[in-house]
Amino acid sequence: MEKLNIDEVMALQMSGMPTSQIIKTNLAEFDRLYDEDPQLEEYIAKANSILDRQEKLGIVSISCQDSRFPDRLLAIGADCPAVIHCKGNLKLLEAEKAVAVIGARSADKEGNTKAYQLGADYARKGYVVVSGLALGCDAAAHRGCLDVKGGTIAVVGNGLDITHPRENKVLEDSILRNGGLMLSEQPIGVKANPTRLVARNRLQAALSEAVILAQCPAQSGSLHTMRFARKYGKESLAATFRQRTEANAGNYDLIEQNLAKPI
């Protein structure tokens, strides 16, 4: 199959075509669609404008038809993004071993310590540590990994010209400076919102062979990531603590319902 260029894939994405169909579209089919839909020319121009601006920022865009696109993302079928935008060390996408360490933004000291230790421990074992650059457990997991010279991927719900949350700009810079990777399905200029943050959670789960919940309460966005882990057949693990509290109730709920193994 003659594959599409990145701008052509992005144009189809802008037209509303699902990724499952984009993956199967060859150049001849694209040319036919281009002749039939005059708006595709506008979408290609828009895609090239985005790509030119991103290139100046050091952002590399990889389509689902590109050989560099991670197999683990292709494996999630209808949930696969058409394009990922990356900044940093692309070799981390090829890592054999990757684990997601996640948790609540409002984690207590014990929860953040647990996330830090998990990030460091798995990095020492040769795993790439995946998390979401959020405050709390995510940031602690990234720092734990970086402090032992490990490779970490931060999956975010905004364009890579924006840091969300802004408080983690220093951490983002440290990730990039120390051989890590920033990854998003959103192009530049797109801000994070609740829907996009939930959507990015599926990418954290997809890129990892296991998802570890460091700490979260009974109601938490982290539980979305754990649901995606189960949906994609990933190993689901939850940290345990000296005693059950409101801050770690989500961990114990998952363990008691046999939805995650204790760690």
C-alpha atoms as a PDB file:
ATOM      1  CA  MET A   1       0.000   0.000   0.000  1.00  0.00           C
ATOM      2  CA  GLU A   2       1.335   3.428  -0.941  1.00  0.00           C
ATOM      3  CA  LYS A   3       1.207   5.291   2.339  1.00  0.00           C
ATOM      4  CA  LEU A   4      -0.057   8.796   2.964  1.00  0.00           C
ATOM      5  CA  ASN A   5       2.055  11.747   4.027  1.00  0.00           C
ATOM      6  CA  ILE A   6       1.474  13.184   7.484  1.00  0.00           C
ATOM      7  CA  ASP A   7      -0.411  16.214   6.092  1.00  0.00           C
ATOM      8  CA  GLU A   8      -2.767  13.927   4.193  1.00  0.00           C
ATOM      9  CA  VAL A   9      -3.475  11.873   7.312  1.00  0.00           C
ATOM     10  CA  MET A  10      -4.127  15.030   9.306  1.00  0.00           C
ATOM     11  CA  ALA A  11      -6.451  16.301   6.565  1.00  0.00           C
ATOM     12  CA  LEU A  12      -8.496  13.102   6.752  1.00  0.00           C
ATOM     13  CA  GLN A  13      -8.561  13.420  10.531  1.00  0.00           C
ATOM     14  CA  MET A  14      -9.861  16.986  10.220  1.00  0.00           C
ATOM     15  CA  SER A  15     -12.537  15.735   7.826  1.00  0.00           C
ATOM     16  CA  GLY A  16     -13.872  13.468  10.559  1.00  0.00           C
ATOM     17  CA  MET A  17     -12.648  10.139   9.194  1.00  0.00           C
ATOM     18  CA  PRO A  18     -12.050   7.602  12.011  1.00  0.00           C
ATOM     19  CA  THR A  19      -8.528   6.326  12.553  1.00  0.00           C
ATOM     20  CA  SER A  20      -9.557   2.761  11.698  1.00  0.00           C
ATOM     21  CA  GLN A  21     -10.427   3.956   8.193  1.00  0.00           C
ATOM     22  CA  ILE A  22      -7.447   6.307   7.857  1.00  0.00           C
ATOM     23  CA  ILE A  23      -5.087   3.393   8.531  1.00  0.00           C
ATOM     24  CA  LYS A  24      -6.504   1.537   5.492  1.00  0.00           C
ATOM     25  CA  THR A  25      -6.620   4.521   3.108  1.00  0.00           C
ATOM     26  CA  ASN A  26      -3.979   4.421   0.370  1.00  0.00           C
ATOM     27  CA  LEU A  27      -2.805   7.216  -1.908  1.00  0.00           C
ATOM     28  CA  ALA A  28      -5.158   6.298  -4.767  1.00  0.00           C
ATOM     29  CA  GLU A  29      -8.131   6.359  -2.407  1.00  0.00           C
ATOM     30  CA  PHE A  30      -6.980   9.678  -0.972  1.00  0.00           C
ATOM     31  CA  ASP A  31      -6.715  11.181  -4.462  1.00  0.00           C
ATOM     32  CA  ARG A  32     -10.282  10.084  -5.176  1.00  0.00           C
ATOM     33  CA  LEU A  33     -11.503  11.653  -1.929  1.00  0.00           C
ATOM     34  CA  TYR A  34      -9.532  14.803  -2.697  1.00  0.00           C
ATOM     35  CA  ASP A  35     -11.298  15.157  -6.053  1.00  0.00           C
ATOM     36  CA  GLU A  36     -14.694  14.626  -4.445  1.00  0.00           C
ATOM     37  CA  ASP A  37     -14.264  16.838  -1.376  1.00  0.00           C
ATOM     38  CA  PRO A  38     -12.965  20.364  -2.078  1.00  0.00           C
ATOM     39  CA  GLN A  39     -12.541  20.941   1.683  1.00  0.00           C
ATOM     40  CA  LEU A  40      -9.622  18.494   1.805  1.00  0.00           C
ATOM     41  CA  GLU A  41      -7.435  21.065   0.051  1.00  0.00           C
ATOM     42  CA  GLU A  42      -8.203  23.515   2.869  1.00  0.00           C
ATOM     43  CA  TYR A  43      -7.465  20.838   5.486  1.00  0.00           C
ATOM     44  CA  ILE A  44      -4.104  20.023   3.876  1.00  0.00           C
ATOM     45  CA  ALA A  45      -3.145  23.693   3.939  1.00  0.00           C
ATOM     46  CA  LYS A  46      -4.154  23.882   7.598  1.00  0.00           C
ATOM     47  CA  ALA A  47      -2.211  20.706   8.418  1.00  0.00           C
ATOM     48  CA  ASN A  48       0.938  22.028   6.727  1.00  0.00           C
ATOM     49  CA  SER A  49       0.653  25.308   8.624  1.00  0.00           C
ATOM     50  CA  ILE A  50       0.477  23.381  11.908  1.00  0.00           C
ATOM     51  CA  LEU A  51       3.363  21.096  10.930  1.00  0.00           C
ATOM     52  CA  ASP A  52       5.585  24.019   9.897  1.00  0.00           C
ATOM     53  CA  ARG A  53       5.005  25.804  13.201  1.00  0.00           C
ATOM     54  CA  GLN A  54       5.524  22.599  15.182  1.00  0.00           C
ATOM     55  CA  GLU A  55       8.759  21.802  13.378  1.00  0.00           C
ATOM     56  CA  LYS A  56      10.177  25.156  14.494  1.00  0.00           C
ATOM     57  CA  LEU A  57       9.381  24.116  18.077  1.00  0.00           C
ATOM     58  CA  GLY A  58      11.117  20.761  17.716  1.00  0.00           C
ATOM     59  CA  ILE A  59       7.854  18.804  17.607  1.00  0.00           C
ATOM     60  CA  VAL A  60       7.732  15.672  15.445  1.00  0.00           C
ATOM     61  CA  SER A  61       4.348  14.411  14.227  1.00  0.00           C
ATOM     62  CA  ILE A  62       3.919  10.700  13.494  1.00  0.00           C
ATOM     63  CA  SER A  63       0.869   9.281  11.731  1.00  0.00           C
ATOM     64  CA  CYS A  64      -0.764   5.901  12.188  1.00  0.00           C
ATOM     65  CA  GLN A  65       0.629   4.936   8.762  1.00  0.00           C
ATOM     66  CA  ASP A  66       4.216   5.744   9.762  1.00  0.00           C
ATOM     67  CA  SER A  67       6.561   2.858  10.593  1.00  0.00           C
ATOM     68  CA  ARG A  68       7.629   4.768  13.730  1.00  0.00           C
ATOM     69  CA  PHE A  69       4.090   4.757  15.122  1.00  0.00           C
ATOM     70  CA  PRO A  70       3.947   2.584  18.274  1.00  0.00           C
ATOM     71  CA  ASP A  71       2.452  -0.875  17.823  1.00  0.00           C
ATOM     72  CA  ARG A  72       0.912  -0.585  21.290  1.00  0.00           C
ATOM     73  CA  LEU A  73      -1.242   2.297  20.068  1.00  0.00           C
ATOM     74  CA  LEU A  74      -2.262   0.460  16.901  1.00  0.00           C
ATOM     75  CA  ALA A  75      -3.310  -2.454  19.127  1.00  0.00           C
ATOM     76  CA  ILE A  76      -6.136  -0.468  20.773  1.00  0.00           C
ATOM     77  CA  GLY A  77      -8.125  -0.443  17.537  1.00  0.00           C
ATOM     78  CA  ALA A  78     -10.895   2.133  17.423  1.00  0.00           C
ATOM     79  CA  ASP A  79      -9.285   4.048  20.307  1.00  0.00           C
ATOM     80  CA  CYS A  80      -6.043   4.596  18.371  1.00  0.00           C
ATOM     81  CA  PRO A  81      -5.172   8.226  17.564  1.00  0.00           C
ATOM     82  CA  ALA A  82      -4.571   9.099  13.915  1.00  0.00           C
ATOM     83  CA  VAL A  83      -1.519  11.194  14.786  1.00  0.00           C
ATOM     84  CA  ILE A  84       0.749  11.680  17.769  1.00  0.00           C
ATOM     85  CA  HIS A  85       2.874  14.787  18.304  1.00  0.00           C
ATOM     86  CA  CYS A  86       6.171  14.251  20.098  1.00  0.00           C
ATOM     87  CA  LYS A  87       9.006  16.307  21.516  1.00  0.00           C
ATOM     88  CA  GLY A  88      12.152  14.726  22.858  1.00  0.00           C
ATOM     89  CA  ASN A  89      13.595  11.227  22.678  1.00  0.00           C
ATOM     90  CA  LEU A  90      11.588   9.244  20.106  1.00  0.00           C
ATOM     91  CA  LYS A  91      13.586   6.090  20.891  1.00  0.00           C
ATOM     92  CA  LEU A  92      11.486   5.698  24.044  1.00  0.00           C
ATOM     93  CA  LEU A  93       8.542   4.751  21.795  1.00  0.00           C
ATOM     94  CA  GLU A  94      10.489   1.620  20.832  1.00  0.00           C
ATOM     95  CA  ALA A  95      11.136   0.477  24.407  1.00  0.00           C
ATOM     96  CA  GLU A  96      10.262  -3.158  25.083  1.00  0.00           C
ATOM     97  CA  LYS A  97       9.348  -2.466  28.695  1.00  0.00           C
ATOM     98  CA  ALA A  98       7.102   0.407  29.788  1.00  0.00           C
ATOM     99  CA  VAL A  99       4.908   0.895  32.835  1.00  0.00           C
ATOM    100  CA  ALA A 100       2.482   3.692  33.712  1.00  0.00           C
ATOM    101  CA  VAL A 101       2.604   5.125  37.230  1.00  0.00           C
ATOM    102  CA  ILE A 102      -0.409   7.330  37.912  1.00  0.00           C
ATOM    103  CA  GLY A 103      -2.400   8.819  40.763  1.00  0.00           C
ATOM    104  CA  ALA A 104      -4.302  11.762  42.138  1.00  0.00           C
ATOM    105  CA  ARG A 105      -3.240  15.396  41.902  1.00  0.00           C
ATOM    106  CA  SER A 106      -4.310  15.808  45.521  1.00  0.00           C
ATOM    107  CA  ALA A 107      -2.323  12.836  46.848  1.00  0.00           C
ATOM    108  CA  ASP A 108      -1.002  13.066  50.386  1.00  0.00           C
ATOM    109  CA  LYS A 109       2.675  12.863  51.330  1.00  0.00           C
ATOM    110  CA  GLU A 110       2.588   9.064  51.553  1.00  0.00           C
ATOM    111  CA  GLY A 111       0.959   8.781  48.130  1.00  0.00           C
ATOM    112  CA  ASN A 112       3.472  11.085  46.467  1.00  0.00           C
ATOM    113  CA  THR A 113       6.319   9.201  48.123  1.00  0.00           C
ATOM    114  CA  LYS A 114       4.874   5.932  46.831  1.00  0.00           C
ATOM    115  CA  ALA A 115       4.642   7.340  43.277  1.00  0.00           C
ATOM    116  CA  TYR A 116       8.232   8.598  43.459  1.00  0.00           C
ATOM    117  CA  GLN A 117       9.493   5.221  44.680  1.00  0.00           C
ATOM    118  CA  LEU A 118       7.581   3.332  42.002  1.00  0.00           C
ATOM    119  CA  GLY A 119       8.955   5.619  39.295  1.00  0.00           C
ATOM    120  CA  ALA A 120      12.490   5.108  40.567  1.00  0.00           C
ATOM    121  CA  ASP A 121      12.160   1.350  41.169  1.00  0.00           C
ATOM    122  CA  TYR A 122      10.773   0.572  37.715  1.00  0.00           C
ATOM    123  CA  ALA A 123      13.292   2.844  36.012  1.00  0.00           C
ATOM    124  CA  ARG A 124      16.091   0.933  37.768  1.00  0.00           C
ATOM    125  CA  LYS A 125      14.612  -2.276  36.325  1.00  0.00           C
ATOM    126  CA  GLY A 126      14.922  -0.841  32.820  1.00  0.00           C
ATOM    127  CA  TYR A 127      11.316   0.235  32.316  1.00  0.00           C
ATOM    128  CA  VAL A 128      10.268   3.437  30.628  1.00  0.00           C
ATOM    129  CA  VAL A 129       7.975   5.200  33.110  1.00  0.00           C
ATOM    130  CA  VAL A 130       4.830   6.688  31.573  1.00  0.00           C
ATOM    131  CA  SER A 131       2.722   9.280  33.360  1.00  0.00           C
ATOM    132  CA  GLY A 132       0.706  12.416  32.698  1.00  0.00           C
ATOM    133  CA  LEU A 133       2.685  15.441  33.993  1.00  0.00           C
ATOM    134  CA  ALA A 134      -0.133  16.319  36.406  1.00  0.00           C
ATOM    135  CA  LEU A 135       0.535  17.650  39.886  1.00  0.00           C
ATOM    136  CA  GLY A 136       0.789  15.079  42.673  1.00  0.00           C
ATOM    137  CA  CYS A 137       1.521  11.452  41.821  1.00  0.00           C
ATOM    138  CA  ASP A 138       2.284  11.996  38.128  1.00  0.00           C
ATOM    139  CA  ALA A 139       4.950  14.584  38.841  1.00  0.00           C
ATOM    140  CA  ALA A 140       6.411  12.423  41.621  1.00  0.00           C
ATOM    141  CA  ALA A 141       6.629   9.381  39.318  1.00  0.00           C
ATOM    142  CA  HIS A 142       8.418  11.394  36.607  1.00  0.00           C
ATOM    143  CA  ARG A 143      10.858  12.793  39.186  1.00  0.00           C
ATOM    144  CA  GLY A 144      11.561   9.377  40.673  1.00  0.00           C
ATOM    145  CA  CYS A 145      12.394   8.056  37.228  1.00  0.00           C
ATOM    146  CA  LEU A 146      14.581  11.030  36.321  1.00  0.00           C
ATOM    147  CA  ASP A 147      16.476  10.898  39.606  1.00  0.00           C
ATOM    148  CA  VAL A 148      17.787   7.427  38.764  1.00  0.00           C
ATOM    149  CA  LYS A 149      18.567   8.411  35.146  1.00  0.00           C
ATOM    150  CA  GLY A 150      15.600   6.547  33.682  1.00  0.00           C
ATOM    151  CA  GLY A 151      13.567   7.328  30.586  1.00  0.00           C
ATOM    152  CA  THR A 152      10.112   8.820  31.082  1.00  0.00           C
ATOM    153  CA  ILE A 153       7.221   9.693  28.756  1.00  0.00           C
ATOM    154  CA  ALA A 154       4.773  12.428  29.736  1.00  0.00           C
ATOM    155  CA  VAL A 155       1.442  12.025  27.927  1.00  0.00           C
ATOM    156  CA  VAL A 156      -0.530  15.270  27.983  1.00  0.00           C
ATOM    157  CA  GLY A 157      -3.947  16.490  26.872  1.00  0.00           C
ATOM    158  CA  ASN A 158      -2.821  19.723  25.220  1.00  0.00           C
ATOM    159  CA  GLY A 159      -0.627  20.902  22.379  1.00  0.00           C
ATOM    160  CA  LEU A 160       3.094  20.725  23.079  1.00  0.00           C
ATOM    161  CA  ASP A 161       3.484  24.504  22.879  1.00  0.00           C
ATOM    162  CA  ILE A 162       1.603  24.680  26.185  1.00  0.00           C
ATOM    163  CA  THR A 163       2.553  23.340  29.611  1.00  0.00           C
ATOM    164  CA  HIS A 164      -0.364  22.060  31.658  1.00  0.00           C
ATOM    165  CA  PRO A 165      -0.314  22.627  34.523  1.00  0.00           C
ATOM    166  CA  ARG A 166       1.951  25.657  34.261  1.00  0.00           C
ATOM    167  CA  GLU A 167       3.483  24.789  37.631  1.00  0.00           C
ATOM    168  CA  ASN A 168       5.195  21.812  35.990  1.00  0.00           C
ATOM    169  CA  LYS A 169       7.153  23.791  33.378  1.00  0.00           C
ATOM    170  CA  VAL A 170      10.402  23.134  35.264  1.00  0.00           C
ATOM    171  CA  LEU A 171       9.578  19.407  35.333  1.00  0.00           C
ATOM    172  CA  GLU A 172       8.754  19.381  31.621  1.00  0.00           C
ATOM    173  CA  ASP A 173      12.080  21.052  30.847  1.00  0.00           C
ATOM    174  CA  SER A 174      13.857  18.492  33.018  1.00  0.00           C
ATOM    175  CA  ILE A 175      12.165  15.610  31.189  1.00  0.00           C
ATOM    176  CA  LEU A 176      13.298  16.963  27.828  1.00  0.00           C
ATOM    177  CA  ARG A 177      16.786  17.837  29.041  1.00  0.00           C
ATOM    178  CA  ASN A 178      17.321  14.324  30.435  1.00  0.00           C
ATOM    179  CA  GLY A 179      16.306  12.202  27.466  1.00  0.00           C
ATOM    180  CA  GLY A 180      12.576  11.964  28.111  1.00  0.00           C
ATOM    181  CA  LEU A 181       9.639  12.461  25.769  1.00  0.00           C
ATOM    182  CA  MET A 182       6.546  14.653  25.696  1.00  0.00           C
ATOM    183  CA  LEU A 183       3.636  13.128  23.755  1.00  0.00           C
ATOM    184  CA  SER A 184       0.165  14.355  22.798  1.00  0.00           C
ATOM    185  CA  GLU A 185      -2.499  13.631  20.224  1.00  0.00           C
ATOM    186  CA  GLN A 186      -3.349  17.345  20.249  1.00  0.00           C
ATOM    187  CA  PRO A 187      -1.633  19.790  17.861  1.00  0.00           C
ATOM    188  CA  ILE A 188      -0.185  23.077  19.041  1.00  0.00           C
ATOM    189  CA  GLY A 189      -2.620  25.695  20.251  1.00  0.00           C
ATOM    190  CA  VAL A 190      -5.028  23.193  21.821  1.00  0.00           C
ATOM    191  CA  LYS A 191      -5.593  23.621  25.550  1.00  0.00           C
ATOM    192  CA  ALA A 192      -6.296  20.817  27.995  1.00  0.00           C
ATOM    193  CA  ASN A 193      -9.869  20.306  29.161  1.00  0.00           C
ATOM    194  CA  PRO A 194     -11.575  17.495  31.111  1.00  0.00           C
ATOM    195  CA  THR A 195     -12.499  15.557  27.940  1.00  0.00           C
ATOM    196  CA  ARG A 196      -8.970  15.739  26.518  1.00  0.00           C
ATOM    197  CA  LEU A 197      -7.430  14.775  29.836  1.00  0.00           C
ATOM    198  CA  VAL A 198      -9.585  11.644  30.014  1.00  0.00           C
ATOM    199  CA  ALA A 199      -8.700  10.869  26.396  1.00  0.00           C
ATOM    200  CA  ARG A 200      -4.977  11.141  27.119  1.00  0.00           C
ATOM    201  CA  ASN A 201      -5.433   8.598  29.931  1.00  0.00           C
ATOM    202  CA  ARG A 202      -6.141   5.904  27.338  1.00  0.00           C
ATOM    203  CA  LEU A 203      -2.791   6.625  25.703  1.00  0.00           C
ATOM    204  CA  GLN A 204      -0.965   6.198  29.016  1.00  0.00           C
ATOM    205  CA  ALA A 205      -2.579   2.797  29.438  1.00  0.00           C
ATOM    206  CA  ALA A 206      -2.011   1.795  25.808  1.00  0.00           C
ATOM    207  CA  LEU A 207       1.700   2.642  25.823  1.00  0.00           C
ATOM    208  CA  SER A 208       2.345   0.536  28.935  1.00  0.00           C
ATOM    209  CA  GLU A 209       2.340  -3.173  29.700  1.00  0.00           C
ATOM    210  CA  ALA A 210       1.066  -2.449  33.222  1.00  0.00           C
ATOM    211  CA  VAL A 211      -0.649   0.469  34.927  1.00  0.00           C
ATOM    212  CA  ILE A 212       0.128   1.120  38.591  1.00  0.00           C
ATOM    213  CA  LEU A 213      -2.113   3.304  40.719  1.00  0.00           C
ATOM    214  CA  ALA A 214       0.058   5.028  43.324  1.00  0.00           C
ATOM    215  CA  GLN A 215      -2.813   6.643  45.215  1.00  0.00           C
ATOM    216  CA  CYS A 216      -6.280   8.057  44.631  1.00  0.00           C
ATOM    217  CA  PRO A 217      -9.537   8.575  46.545  1.00  0.00           C
ATOM    218  CA  ALA A 218     -12.765   6.749  45.732  1.00  0.00           C
ATOM    219  CA  GLN A 219     -13.656   9.338  43.086  1.00  0.00           C
ATOM    220  CA  SER A 220     -10.727  10.277  40.868  1.00  0.00           C
ATOM    221  CA  GLY A 221      -9.762  10.805  37.255  1.00  0.00           C
ATOM    222  CA  SER A 222      -7.056   8.188  37.798  1.00  0.00           C
ATOM    223  CA  LEU A 223      -9.775   5.536  37.766  1.00  0.00           C
ATOM    224  CA  HIS A 224     -10.384   6.326  34.068  1.00  0.00           C
ATOM    225  CA  THR A 225      -6.831   5.181  33.348  1.00  0.00           C
ATOM    226  CA  MET A 226      -7.382   1.993  35.342  1.00  0.00           C
ATOM    227  CA  ARG A 227     -10.538   1.285  33.322  1.00  0.00           C
ATOM    228  CA  PHE A 228      -8.590   1.737  30.086  1.00  0.00           C
ATOM    229  CA  ALA A 229      -5.934  -0.636  31.425  1.00  0.00           C
ATOM    230  CA  ARG A 230      -8.547  -3.334  31.949  1.00  0.00           C
ATOM    231  CA  LYS A 231     -10.145  -2.633  28.561  1.00  0.00           C
ATOM    232  CA  TYR A 232      -6.791  -3.111  26.800  1.00  0.00           C
ATOM    233  CA  GLY A 233      -5.809  -6.189  28.779  1.00  0.00           C
ATOM    234  CA  LYS A 234      -2.970  -4.524  30.668  1.00  0.00           C
ATOM    235  CA  GLU A 235      -1.872  -5.640  34.112  1.00  0.00           C
ATOM    236  CA  SER A 236      -3.597  -3.460  36.721  1.00  0.00           C
ATOM    237  CA  LEU A 237      -1.795  -2.854  40.007  1.00  0.00           C
ATOM    238  CA  ALA A 238      -2.591  -0.663  43.020  1.00  0.00           C
ATOM    239  CA  ALA A 239      -0.243   0.382  45.807  1.00  0.00           C
ATOM    240  CA  THR A 240      -1.086  -0.523  49.397  1.00  0.00           C
ATOM    241  CA  PHE A 241      -0.538   1.574  52.521  1.00  0.00           C
ATOM    242  CA  ARG A 242      -0.170   1.196  56.260  1.00  0.00           C
ATOM    243  CA  GLN A 243      -3.880   1.881  56.655  1.00  0.00           C
ATOM    244  CA  ARG A 244      -6.870   2.738  54.498  1.00  0.00           C
ATOM    245  CA  THR A 245      -7.678   6.454  54.388  1.00  0.00           C
ATOM    246  CA  GLU A 246      -9.853   8.743  52.317  1.00  0.00           C
ATOM    247  CA  ALA A 247      -6.809   9.603  50.180  1.00  0.00           C
ATOM    248  CA  ASN A 248      -6.143   5.971  49.185  1.00  0.00           C
ATOM    249  CA  ALA A 249      -9.700   4.596  49.185  1.00  0.00           C
ATOM    250  CA  GLY A 250      -9.648   4.220  45.395  1.00  0.00           C
ATOM    251  CA  ASN A 251      -6.724   1.806  45.648  1.00  0.00           C
ATOM    252  CA  TYR A 252      -8.495  -0.420  48.138  1.00  0.00           C
ATOM    253  CA  ASP A 253     -11.777  -0.311  46.224  1.00  0.00           C
ATOM    254  CA  LEU A 254     -10.010  -1.701  43.136  1.00  0.00           C
ATOM    255  CA  ILE A 255      -8.174  -4.347  45.141  1.00  0.00           C
ATOM    256  CA  GLU A 256     -11.292  -5.482  46.999  1.00  0.00           C
ATOM    257  CA  GLN A 257     -13.258  -5.745  43.738  1.00  0.00           C
ATOM    258  CA  ASN A 258     -10.419  -7.789  42.162  1.00  0.00           C
ATOM    259  CA  LEU A 259      -9.940  -5.046  39.566  1.00  0.00           C
ATOM    260  CA  ALA A 260      -6.283  -4.539  40.514  1.00  0.00           C
ATOM    261  CA  LYS A 261      -3.583  -6.575  42.218  1.00  0.00           C
ATOM    262  CA  PRO A 262      -1.972  -5.120  45.354  1.00  0.00           C
ATOM    263  CA  ILE A 263       1.615  -4.014  45.092  1.00  0.00           C
END
